Amino acid sequence: MAVGKSERHNHYTFRKEQVILLVIRNLLEELRFEGSESESFGRPEDKDGNPIFNEVDDVKDYIDRRFKFEKEGYYIEVIFGKDKVFLSVHSDEDMQDEITAILRKFIKDQD
């Protein structure tokens, strides 16, 4: 994981590996995003647009895709490129530190 930091913006760069979908889903859940946002991230949908919770998308299919998750006072962007995943947090510094700690916990759990 590579990290960059400024006054109101942190960004993280990850290798594009399957586990990143779980890391992002866990981050969203830990930050208490609505259940459907956190639980459905990285999952395929049925014909009615509902997430299929017992399946996971293939991260290789996520190319040039951007996702934005907003809460009061901050937002998170996730951008999938060909070989890397970019996660940006736009917030006050105290929230950046909290999110960094959460990310490190989930990344450590996946090693």
Protein backbone atom coordinates (compact mmCIF):
# COMPACT_ATOMS: atom_id res chain seq x y z
CA MET A 1 0.00 0.00 0.00
CA ALA A 2 1.32 3.43 -0.93
CA VAL A 3 0.01 6.46 0.97
CA GLY A 4 -0.10 10.17 0.10
CA LYS A 5 -1.37 12.87 2.39
CA SER A 6 -2.39 16.52 2.28
CA GLU A 7 -4.47 18.77 4.53
CA ARG A 8 -7.91 17.52 3.42
CA HIS A 9 -7.05 14.52 1.30
CA ASN A 10 -5.39 11.14 1.80
CA HIS A 11 -4.89 8.73 -1.03
CA TYR A 12 -3.89 5.09 -1.03
CA THR A 13 -2.69 2.93 -3.89
CA PHE A 14 -3.12 -0.84 -3.80
CA ARG A 15 -2.14 -3.68 -6.09
CA LYS A 16 -5.25 -4.86 -7.85
CA GLU A 17 -5.89 -8.15 -6.10
CA GLN A 18 -9.17 -9.92 -5.37
CA VAL A 19 -8.89 -9.24 -1.64
CA ILE A 20 -9.23 -5.47 -2.17
CA LEU A 21 -12.99 -5.89 -2.70
CA LEU A 22 -13.26 -7.37 0.80
CA VAL A 23 -10.99 -4.69 2.29
CA ILE A 24 -13.16 -1.91 0.81
CA ARG A 25 -16.38 -3.63 1.86
CA ASN A 26 -15.02 -3.99 5.42
CA LEU A 27 -13.93 -0.34 5.45
CA LEU A 28 -17.39 0.83 4.39
CA GLU A 29 -19.00 -1.36 7.03
CA GLU A 30 -16.64 -0.13 9.76
CA LEU A 31 -17.43 3.47 8.80
CA ARG A 32 -21.13 2.62 9.07
CA PHE A 33 -22.17 3.28 5.52
CA GLU A 34 -25.68 2.10 4.76
CA GLY A 35 -25.91 -1.69 4.76
CA SER A 36 -26.62 -1.98 1.07
CA GLU A 37 -23.58 0.15 0.17
CA SER A 38 -21.14 -1.83 2.27
CA GLU A 39 -22.61 -5.30 1.88
CA SER A 40 -23.23 -5.11 -1.86
CA PHE A 41 -19.91 -3.60 -2.92
CA GLY A 42 -18.03 -5.96 -5.24
CA ARG A 43 -20.95 -8.33 -5.67
CA PRO A 44 -22.86 -9.18 -8.85
CA GLU A 45 -26.53 -8.30 -9.18
CA ASP A 46 -29.50 -10.43 -10.14
CA LYS A 47 -31.86 -9.51 -13.01
CA ASP A 48 -33.76 -7.14 -10.68
CA GLY A 49 -30.61 -5.26 -9.63
CA ASN A 50 -30.37 -6.84 -6.19
CA PRO A 51 -26.94 -7.94 -4.92
CA ILE A 52 -26.17 -11.65 -4.87
CA PHE A 53 -24.63 -11.90 -1.39
CA ASN A 54 -23.12 -15.36 -1.77
CA GLU A 55 -21.05 -14.33 -4.81
CA VAL A 56 -18.19 -11.89 -5.43
CA ASP A 57 -17.28 -10.08 -8.62
CA ASP A 58 -13.91 -10.74 -10.22
CA VAL A 59 -11.72 -7.71 -9.52
CA LYS A 60 -10.21 -8.13 -13.00
CA ASP A 61 -13.56 -6.98 -14.42
CA TYR A 62 -13.24 -3.64 -12.62
CA ILE A 63 -11.29 -1.52 -15.10
CA ASP A 64 -11.66 2.25 -15.29
CA ARG A 65 -14.49 2.23 -12.76
CA ARG A 66 -15.09 4.85 -10.09
CA PHE A 67 -17.20 4.60 -6.94
CA LYS A 68 -18.03 7.42 -4.52
CA PHE A 69 -19.35 6.99 -0.99
CA GLU A 70 -20.48 10.09 0.95
CA LYS A 71 -21.21 10.82 4.58
CA GLU A 72 -21.55 14.11 6.38
CA GLY A 73 -18.14 15.76 6.51
CA TYR A 74 -16.26 13.44 4.16
CA TYR A 75 -16.37 11.22 1.12
CA ILE A 76 -14.40 8.28 -0.20
CA GLU A 77 -13.56 7.61 -3.84
CA VAL A 78 -12.45 4.24 -5.13
CA ILE A 79 -11.00 4.06 -8.64
CA PHE A 80 -10.09 0.79 -10.31
CA GLY A 81 -7.47 0.98 -13.03
CA LYS A 82 -5.92 -1.81 -15.06
CA ASP A 83 -3.35 -2.88 -12.45
CA LYS A 84 -3.99 -0.70 -9.40
CA VAL A 85 -6.77 0.49 -7.14
CA PHE A 86 -6.81 4.07 -5.87
CA LEU A 87 -8.70 5.02 -2.74
CA SER A 88 -9.03 8.71 -1.83
CA VAL A 89 -10.45 10.12 1.38
CA HIS A 90 -11.56 13.74 1.31
CA SER A 91 -12.06 14.91 4.90
CA ASP A 92 -10.66 16.70 7.91
CA GLU A 93 -7.36 15.37 9.23
CA ASP A 94 -8.84 13.58 12.25
CA MET A 95 -11.10 11.49 9.99
CA GLN A 96 -8.13 10.71 7.72
CA ASP A 97 -6.22 9.26 10.68
CA GLU A 98 -9.22 7.14 11.69
CA ILE A 99 -9.65 5.77 8.17
CA THR A 100 -5.92 5.03 7.85
CA ALA A 101 -6.05 3.03 11.11
CA ILE A 102 -9.06 1.05 9.87
CA LEU A 103 -7.42 0.34 6.51
CA ARG A 104 -4.21 -0.85 8.17
CA LYS A 105 -6.24 -3.22 10.37
CA PHE A 106 -8.01 -4.82 7.41
CA ILE A 107 -4.87 -5.01 5.31
CA LYS A 108 -3.00 -6.64 8.18
CA ASP A 109 -5.85 -9.16 8.54
CA GLN A 110 -5.41 -10.12 4.87
CA ASP A 111 -1.63 -10.68 4.97
